[in-house]
C-alpha atoms as a PDB file:
ATOM      1  CA  MET A   1       8.307-106.842 -38.240  1.00  0.00           C
ATOM      2  CA  PRO A   2       7.351-103.288 -36.357  1.00  0.00           C
ATOM      3  CA  GLU A   3       7.521-100.412 -39.325  1.00  0.00           C
ATOM      4  CA  THR A   4       8.773 -97.342 -38.716  1.00  0.00           C
ATOM      5  CA  PRO A   5       6.104 -94.513 -37.928  1.00  0.00           C
ATOM      6  CA  ASP A   6       4.853 -92.374 -40.040  1.00  0.00           C
ATOM      7  CA  PHE A   7       6.231 -89.120 -39.367  1.00  0.00           C
ATOM      8  CA  ASP A   8       4.218 -86.810 -41.804  1.00  0.00           C
ATOM      9  CA  GLN A   9       1.275 -87.989 -41.090  1.00  0.00           C
ATOM     10  CA  ILE A  10       1.643 -87.665 -36.915  1.00  0.00           C
ATOM     11  CA  ALA A  11       3.188 -83.760 -37.407  1.00  0.00           C
ATOM     12  CA  ARG A  12      -0.191 -83.489 -39.381  1.00  0.00           C
ATOM     13  CA  ASP A  13      -2.364 -85.021 -36.747  1.00  0.00           C
ATOM     14  CA  LEU A  14      -0.524 -83.251 -34.359  1.00  0.00           C
ATOM     15  CA  LEU A  15      -1.080 -79.416 -35.790  1.00  0.00           C
ATOM     16  CA  GLU A  16      -4.941 -81.128 -35.901  1.00  0.00           C
ATOM     17  CA  GLY A  17      -4.894 -81.350 -31.979  1.00  0.00           C
ATOM     18  CA  LEU A  18      -3.670 -77.951 -31.606  1.00  0.00           C
ATOM     19  CA  GLY A  19      -7.386 -77.163 -33.618  1.00  0.00           C
ATOM     20  CA  ILE A  20      -4.415 -74.529 -35.759  1.00  0.00           C
ATOM     21  CA  ASP A  21      -6.857 -72.012 -37.213  1.00  0.00           C
ATOM     22  CA  GLU A  22      -6.246 -71.933 -41.062  1.00  0.00           C
ATOM     23  CA  GLY A  23      -6.738 -68.522 -40.863  1.00  0.00           C
ATOM     24  CA  GLU A  24      -4.412 -66.879 -38.415  1.00  0.00           C
ATOM     25  CA  HIS A  25      -2.248 -65.949 -40.398  1.00  0.00           C
ATOM     26  CA  PRO A  26      -2.224 -65.143 -44.685  1.00  0.00           C
ATOM     27  CA  LEU A  27      -0.066 -68.314 -45.595  1.00  0.00           C
ATOM     28  CA  ALA A  28      -0.827 -71.032 -42.576  1.00  0.00           C
ATOM     29  CA  GLY A  29      -4.407 -72.647 -45.280  1.00  0.00           C
ATOM     30  CA  GLY A  30      -1.361 -73.743 -47.749  1.00  0.00           C
ATOM     31  CA  TRP A  31       2.248 -73.381 -47.376  1.00  0.00           C
ATOM     32  CA  LEU A  32       2.455 -72.657 -43.836  1.00  0.00           C
ATOM     33  CA  ARG A  33       0.571 -75.750 -42.733  1.00  0.00           C
ATOM     34  CA  ALA A  34       2.918 -77.935 -44.083  1.00  0.00           C
ATOM     35  CA  THR A  35       5.935 -76.096 -43.946  1.00  0.00           C
ATOM     36  CA  ARG A  36       4.745 -76.500 -39.648  1.00  0.00           C
ATOM     37  CA  ALA A  37       3.947 -80.283 -39.930  1.00  0.00           C
ATOM     38  CA  SER A  38       7.400 -80.944 -42.507  1.00  0.00           C
ATOM     39  CA  GLN A  39       9.316 -79.291 -39.567  1.00  0.00           C
ATOM     40  CA  ILE A  40       8.023 -81.353 -36.894  1.00  0.00           C
ATOM     41  CA  ALA A  41       7.833 -83.697 -39.117  1.00  0.00           C
ATOM     42  CA  GLN A  42      12.010 -83.653 -39.738  1.00  0.00           C
ATOM     43  CA  GLN A  43      12.211 -82.774 -35.755  1.00  0.00           C
ATOM     44  CA  LEU A  44      10.690 -86.366 -34.732  1.00  0.00           C
ATOM     45  CA  ARG A  45      12.872 -88.653 -37.257  1.00  0.00           C
ATOM     46  CA  LEU A  46      16.285 -87.046 -35.637  1.00  0.00           C
ATOM     47  CA  ILE A  47      14.602 -87.807 -32.233  1.00  0.00           C
ATOM     48  CA  TRP A  48      13.915 -91.094 -33.594  1.00  0.00           C
ATOM     49  CA  ASN A  49      17.734 -91.459 -35.340  1.00  0.00           C
ATOM     50  CA  ALA A  50      18.998 -90.240 -31.478  1.00  0.00           C
ATOM     51  CA  ARG A  51      16.932 -93.269 -29.485  1.00  0.00           C
ATOM     52  CA  GLY A  52      18.664 -95.797 -32.041  1.00  0.00           C
ATOM     53  CA  ALA A  53      22.109 -94.549 -31.753  1.00  0.00           C
ATOM     54  CA  ALA A  54      21.799 -93.830 -28.156  1.00  0.00           C
ATOM     55  CA  ASP A  55      20.777 -98.012 -28.549  1.00  0.00           C
ATOM     56  CA  LEU A  56      23.497 -99.744 -30.172  1.00  0.00           C
ATOM     57  CA  ALA A  57      25.771 -97.360 -27.848  1.00  0.00           C
ATOM     58  CA  LEU A  58      24.847 -99.317 -25.179  1.00  0.00           C
ATOM     59  CA  ILE A  59      24.198-102.876 -26.507  1.00  0.00           C
ATOM     60  CA  GLU A  60      28.645-102.005 -27.922  1.00  0.00           C
ATOM     61  CA  HIS A  61      28.946-100.930 -24.453  1.00  0.00           C
ATOM     62  CA  SER A  62      27.016-103.523 -22.342  1.00  0.00           C
ATOM     63  CA  PHE A  63      27.278-106.472 -25.096  1.00  0.00           C
ATOM     64  CA  PRO A  64      31.145-106.122 -26.341  1.00  0.00           C
ATOM     65  CA  GLY A  65      32.376-108.891 -28.765  1.00  0.00           C
ATOM     66  CA  THR A  66      31.871-110.789 -31.407  1.00  0.00           C
ATOM     67  CA  HIS A  67      27.588-110.919 -31.068  1.00  0.00           C
ATOM     68  CA  THR A  68      27.427-106.908 -30.960  1.00  0.00           C
ATOM     69  CA  LYS A  69      27.191-106.671 -34.471  1.00  0.00           C
ATOM     70  CA  THR A  70      24.617-109.608 -34.596  1.00  0.00           C
ATOM     71  CA  LEU A  71      22.408-107.424 -32.165  1.00  0.00           C
ATOM     72  CA  GLU A  72      23.101-104.536 -34.231  1.00  0.00           C
ATOM     73  CA  ARG A  73      22.184-105.575 -37.511  1.00  0.00           C
ATOM     74  CA  GLY A  74      18.656-107.382 -35.640  1.00  0.00           C
ATOM     75  CA  LEU A  75      18.236-104.035 -34.294  1.00  0.00           C
ATOM     76  CA  ARG A  76      18.370-101.866 -37.369  1.00  0.00           C
ATOM     77  CA  SER A  77      16.406-103.829 -38.695  1.00  0.00           C
ATOM     78  CA  LEU A  78      13.643-102.502 -37.036  1.00  0.00           C
ATOM     79  CA  ASP A  79      14.021 -99.685 -38.716  1.00  0.00           C
ATOM     80  CA  ARG A  80      12.976-100.552 -42.488  1.00  0.00           C
END
C-alpha cells in the first residue's frame, strides 16, 4: 500500500537543494533552517490534504449512491 510522503524530509531536501548558506543569517544554522523546513512541510501537507479532499468530492459527484462510501474508504486508506 502506498505510504504518505515524508513531508519533513522533502522540505529538508528542498532547502538543501536551494543551497541556502547557513551563514547568511545569524539564526540560519539551526532554528531558522528548522523553522523554514517545518513551514514548507506544513504547506506540503495542506496541499496533500486539499488534493485528497478534491478527489473525494469528485468521487461523490461522479459516483452517487451506495458505492461512494466504499470508494471513499478506499481512497482514505491510501493515506495511511
